[in-house]
Amino acid sequence: MAMVTFGSGEKDDPWLLKTPSLGSEFQAWKDMAANPARLVVQVGSTQLSYQWRGVADCHAMLKAAGDWVDLGNADEGKPTPDASIEAWARSEGNPVGGYYGLRKGYRGRFANYVTPVMELLGLIELEHKPKGNRARAL
């Protein structure tokens, strides 16, 4: 595994992770007291948040796919590759009926920040190439 894994995943002891391309570090932690429960991501001075259930929902989607799925990272409002994790994470056909991202204007990049957490939790295998990464369920 090529990521950094310090911390317990709590706000006062966040995970220190790397994006799939290994180009950037970020902090992440669970906020289970929030409604809905969320994964909070801190990238420099920018904070993003995603519904925590996206971790399990994405794992289920990848299990159903049965093979590698492109990440398809993209900012909110930018197009995503068809049949990618990013496209699924904002699709009306997913279990929440749209974006898992919670902060308007920053709801994209699910595949970039949630998949390293999923890898840390042992749910997926994640590629770490400079571009074109994929994930599959374990």
C-alpha atoms as a PDB file:
ATOM      1  CA  MET A   1       0.000   0.000   0.000  1.00  0.00           C
ATOM      2  CA  ALA A   2       1.463   3.326  -1.028  1.00  0.00           C
ATOM      3  CA  MET A   3      -0.472   5.678   1.212  1.00  0.00           C
ATOM      4  CA  VAL A   4       0.218   7.349   4.540  1.00  0.00           C
ATOM      5  CA  THR A   5      -1.977   5.993   7.330  1.00  0.00           C
ATOM      6  CA  PHE A   6      -1.396   7.935  10.510  1.00  0.00           C
ATOM      7  CA  GLY A   7      -4.285   8.639  12.836  1.00  0.00           C
ATOM      8  CA  SER A   8      -7.404   6.924  14.085  1.00  0.00           C
ATOM      9  CA  GLY A   9      -9.852   8.734  11.801  1.00  0.00           C
ATOM     10  CA  GLU A  10     -11.232  10.958  14.540  1.00  0.00           C
ATOM     11  CA  LYS A  11     -11.265  14.771  14.261  1.00  0.00           C
ATOM     12  CA  ASP A  12      -8.525  15.193  16.871  1.00  0.00           C
ATOM     13  CA  ASP A  13      -6.467  12.354  15.298  1.00  0.00           C
ATOM     14  CA  PRO A  14      -7.257  12.377  11.546  1.00  0.00           C
ATOM     15  CA  TRP A  15      -6.012   9.955   8.954  1.00  0.00           C
ATOM     16  CA  LEU A  16      -3.214  11.402   6.849  1.00  0.00           C
ATOM     17  CA  LEU A  17      -3.699   9.990   3.354  1.00  0.00           C
ATOM     18  CA  LYS A  18      -2.532  10.496  -0.207  1.00  0.00           C
ATOM     19  CA  THR A  19      -4.709  10.889  -3.277  1.00  0.00           C
ATOM     20  CA  PRO A  20      -4.744   7.874  -5.614  1.00  0.00           C
ATOM     21  CA  SER A  21      -2.066   9.426  -7.867  1.00  0.00           C
ATOM     22  CA  LEU A  22       0.082   9.959  -4.728  1.00  0.00           C
ATOM     23  CA  GLY A  23       0.419  13.607  -5.772  1.00  0.00           C
ATOM     24  CA  SER A  24      -1.199  15.229  -2.722  1.00  0.00           C
ATOM     25  CA  GLU A  25      -1.670  14.546   0.954  1.00  0.00           C
ATOM     26  CA  PHE A  26      -4.885  15.252   2.811  1.00  0.00           C
ATOM     27  CA  GLN A  27      -6.454  14.664   6.199  1.00  0.00           C
ATOM     28  CA  ALA A  28      -9.729  12.821   6.701  1.00  0.00           C
ATOM     29  CA  TRP A  29     -11.898  11.945   9.667  1.00  0.00           C
ATOM     30  CA  LYS A  30     -15.310  10.554  10.496  1.00  0.00           C
ATOM     31  CA  ASP A  31     -17.990  12.803  11.975  1.00  0.00           C
ATOM     32  CA  MET A  32     -20.597  10.302  13.072  1.00  0.00           C
ATOM     33  CA  ALA A  33     -22.464  12.874  15.217  1.00  0.00           C
ATOM     34  CA  ALA A  34     -23.333  14.983  12.158  1.00  0.00           C
ATOM     35  CA  ASN A  35     -26.644  14.514  10.384  1.00  0.00           C
ATOM     36  CA  PRO A  36     -26.017  12.830   8.059  1.00  0.00           C
ATOM     37  CA  ALA A  37     -22.869  11.129   9.363  1.00  0.00           C
ATOM     38  CA  ARG A  38     -19.991  12.293   7.207  1.00  0.00           C
ATOM     39  CA  LEU A  39     -16.427  11.886   6.093  1.00  0.00           C
ATOM     40  CA  VAL A  40     -14.653  15.226   6.411  1.00  0.00           C
ATOM     41  CA  VAL A  41     -11.659  15.907   4.153  1.00  0.00           C
ATOM     42  CA  GLN A  42      -9.181  18.719   4.730  1.00  0.00           C
ATOM     43  CA  VAL A  43      -7.016  19.644   1.733  1.00  0.00           C
ATOM     44  CA  GLY A  44      -4.869  22.625   2.619  1.00  0.00           C
ATOM     45  CA  SER A  45      -7.346  25.333   3.648  1.00  0.00           C
ATOM     46  CA  THR A  46     -10.265  23.676   1.816  1.00  0.00           C
ATOM     47  CA  GLN A  47     -12.683  21.425   3.671  1.00  0.00           C
ATOM     48  CA  LEU A  48     -14.958  19.001   1.845  1.00  0.00           C
ATOM     49  CA  SER A  49     -17.452  16.533   3.263  1.00  0.00           C
ATOM     50  CA  TYR A  50     -19.207  13.465   1.942  1.00  0.00           C
ATOM     51  CA  GLN A  51     -21.979  11.339   3.375  1.00  0.00           C
ATOM     52  CA  TRP A  52     -20.302   8.555   5.366  1.00  0.00           C
ATOM     53  CA  ARG A  53     -22.713   6.020   3.867  1.00  0.00           C
ATOM     54  CA  GLY A  54     -20.944   6.644   0.538  1.00  0.00           C
ATOM     55  CA  VAL A  55     -18.122   4.377   1.751  1.00  0.00           C
ATOM     56  CA  ALA A  56     -20.437   1.361   2.118  1.00  0.00           C
ATOM     57  CA  ASP A  57     -22.592   2.293  -0.885  1.00  0.00           C
ATOM     58  CA  CYS A  58     -19.540   2.607  -3.141  1.00  0.00           C
ATOM     59  CA  HIS A  59     -18.188  -0.717  -1.867  1.00  0.00           C
ATOM     60  CA  ALA A  60     -21.523  -2.369  -2.722  1.00  0.00           C
ATOM     61  CA  MET A  61     -21.480  -0.795  -6.190  1.00  0.00           C
ATOM     62  CA  LEU A  62     -17.918  -2.038  -6.805  1.00  0.00           C
ATOM     63  CA  LYS A  63     -18.808  -5.523  -5.556  1.00  0.00           C
ATOM     64  CA  ALA A  64     -21.742  -5.588  -7.978  1.00  0.00           C
ATOM     65  CA  ALA A  65     -19.473  -4.409 -10.820  1.00  0.00           C
ATOM     66  CA  GLY A  66     -17.185  -7.350 -10.097  1.00  0.00           C
ATOM     67  CA  ASP A  67     -14.139  -5.802 -11.774  1.00  0.00           C
ATOM     68  CA  TRP A  68     -12.004  -2.676 -11.961  1.00  0.00           C
ATOM     69  CA  VAL A  69     -13.925   0.610 -12.255  1.00  0.00           C
ATOM     70  CA  ASP A  70     -12.311   3.877 -13.369  1.00  0.00           C
ATOM     71  CA  LEU A  71     -12.169   6.587 -10.713  1.00  0.00           C
ATOM     72  CA  GLY A  72     -13.082   9.432 -13.098  1.00  0.00           C
ATOM     73  CA  ASN A  73     -12.107  12.225 -10.690  1.00  0.00           C
ATOM     74  CA  ALA A  74     -13.714  15.586 -11.457  1.00  0.00           C
ATOM     75  CA  ASP A  75     -14.698  18.764  -9.670  1.00  0.00           C
ATOM     76  CA  GLU A  76     -18.379  19.502  -9.188  1.00  0.00           C
ATOM     77  CA  GLY A  77     -19.886  20.808 -12.421  1.00  0.00           C
ATOM     78  CA  LYS A  78     -17.250  19.178 -14.634  1.00  0.00           C
ATOM     79  CA  PRO A  79     -18.147  16.154 -16.750  1.00  0.00           C
ATOM     80  CA  THR A  80     -17.275  12.675 -15.532  1.00  0.00           C
ATOM     81  CA  PRO A  81     -16.420   9.597 -17.573  1.00  0.00           C
ATOM     82  CA  ASP A  82     -19.367   7.223 -17.990  1.00  0.00           C
ATOM     83  CA  ALA A  83     -19.388   4.189 -15.693  1.00  0.00           C
ATOM     84  CA  SER A  84     -16.804   5.758 -13.355  1.00  0.00           C
ATOM     85  CA  ILE A  85     -16.918   5.976  -9.564  1.00  0.00           C
ATOM     86  CA  GLU A  86     -17.212   9.768  -9.820  1.00  0.00           C
ATOM     87  CA  ALA A  87     -20.179   9.502 -12.219  1.00  0.00           C
ATOM     88  CA  TRP A  88     -21.874   7.043  -9.857  1.00  0.00           C
ATOM     89  CA  ALA A  89     -21.228   9.308  -6.829  1.00  0.00           C
ATOM     90  CA  ARG A  90     -23.350  12.083  -8.358  1.00  0.00           C
ATOM     91  CA  SER A  91     -25.897  10.010 -10.276  1.00  0.00           C
ATOM     92  CA  GLU A  92     -29.619  10.160  -9.602  1.00  0.00           C
ATOM     93  CA  GLY A  93     -29.472   6.345  -9.803  1.00  0.00           C
ATOM     94  CA  ASN A  94     -27.243   5.887  -6.734  1.00  0.00           C
ATOM     95  CA  PRO A  95     -28.730   5.070  -3.285  1.00  0.00           C
ATOM     96  CA  VAL A  96     -28.950   8.754  -2.230  1.00  0.00           C
ATOM     97  CA  GLY A  97     -30.281   9.960  -5.592  1.00  0.00           C
ATOM     98  CA  GLY A  98     -27.475  12.407  -6.356  1.00  0.00           C
ATOM     99  CA  TYR A  99     -24.289  13.822  -4.890  1.00  0.00           C
ATOM    100  CA  TYR A 100     -22.695  12.210  -1.848  1.00  0.00           C
ATOM    101  CA  GLY A 101     -20.765  15.462  -1.459  1.00  0.00           C
ATOM    102  CA  LEU A 102     -22.362  17.794   1.082  1.00  0.00           C
ATOM    103  CA  ARG A 103     -20.798  21.219   0.465  1.00  0.00           C
ATOM    104  CA  LYS A 104     -22.242  22.933  -2.607  1.00  0.00           C
ATOM    105  CA  GLY A 105     -19.490  23.877  -5.024  1.00  0.00           C
ATOM    106  CA  TYR A 106     -17.240  21.191  -3.488  1.00  0.00           C
ATOM    107  CA  ARG A 107     -19.390  18.079  -3.981  1.00  0.00           C
ATOM    108  CA  GLY A 108     -17.137  16.522  -6.617  1.00  0.00           C
ATOM    109  CA  ARG A 109     -13.837  14.661  -6.244  1.00  0.00           C
ATOM    110  CA  PHE A 110     -15.540  11.795  -4.364  1.00  0.00           C
ATOM    111  CA  ALA A 111     -13.328   9.274  -6.184  1.00  0.00           C
ATOM    112  CA  ASN A 112     -10.197  11.228  -5.294  1.00  0.00           C
ATOM    113  CA  TYR A 113     -10.807  11.469  -1.537  1.00  0.00           C
ATOM    114  CA  VAL A 114     -13.179   8.658  -0.542  1.00  0.00           C
ATOM    115  CA  THR A 115     -11.380   5.789  -2.291  1.00  0.00           C
ATOM    116  CA  PRO A 116      -8.134   6.209  -0.271  1.00  0.00           C
ATOM    117  CA  VAL A 117     -10.251   5.909   2.908  1.00  0.00           C
ATOM    118  CA  MET A 118     -11.869   2.789   1.469  1.00  0.00           C
ATOM    119  CA  GLU A 119      -8.415   1.378   0.715  1.00  0.00           C
ATOM    120  CA  LEU A 120      -7.281   2.132   4.275  1.00  0.00           C
ATOM    121  CA  LEU A 121     -10.355   0.328   5.624  1.00  0.00           C
ATOM    122  CA  GLY A 122      -9.521  -2.740   3.505  1.00  0.00           C
ATOM    123  CA  LEU A 123     -12.622  -2.480   1.313  1.00  0.00           C
ATOM    124  CA  ILE A 124     -10.963  -1.956  -2.068  1.00  0.00           C
ATOM    125  CA  GLU A 125      -7.819  -2.370  -4.083  1.00  0.00           C
ATOM    126  CA  LEU A 126      -6.806   1.008  -5.501  1.00  0.00           C
ATOM    127  CA  GLU A 127      -4.327   1.775  -8.272  1.00  0.00           C
ATOM    128  CA  HIS A 128      -1.680   4.464  -7.714  1.00  0.00           C
ATOM    129  CA  LYS A 129      -0.577   5.565 -11.190  1.00  0.00           C
ATOM    130  CA  PRO A 130      -0.071   9.231 -12.170  1.00  0.00           C
ATOM    131  CA  LYS A 131      -3.376   9.150 -14.150  1.00  0.00           C
ATOM    132  CA  GLY A 132      -6.207   6.801 -15.043  1.00  0.00           C
ATOM    133  CA  ASN A 133      -6.534   4.991 -11.719  1.00  0.00           C
ATOM    134  CA  ARG A 134      -9.147   2.361 -10.996  1.00  0.00           C
ATOM    135  CA  ALA A 135     -10.547   0.563  -7.959  1.00  0.00           C
ATOM    136  CA  ARG A 136     -12.149  -2.799  -7.290  1.00  0.00           C
ATOM    137  CA  ALA A 137     -13.885  -4.286  -4.284  1.00  0.00           C
ATOM    138  CA  LEU A 138     -12.125  -6.752  -1.998  1.00  0.00           C
END
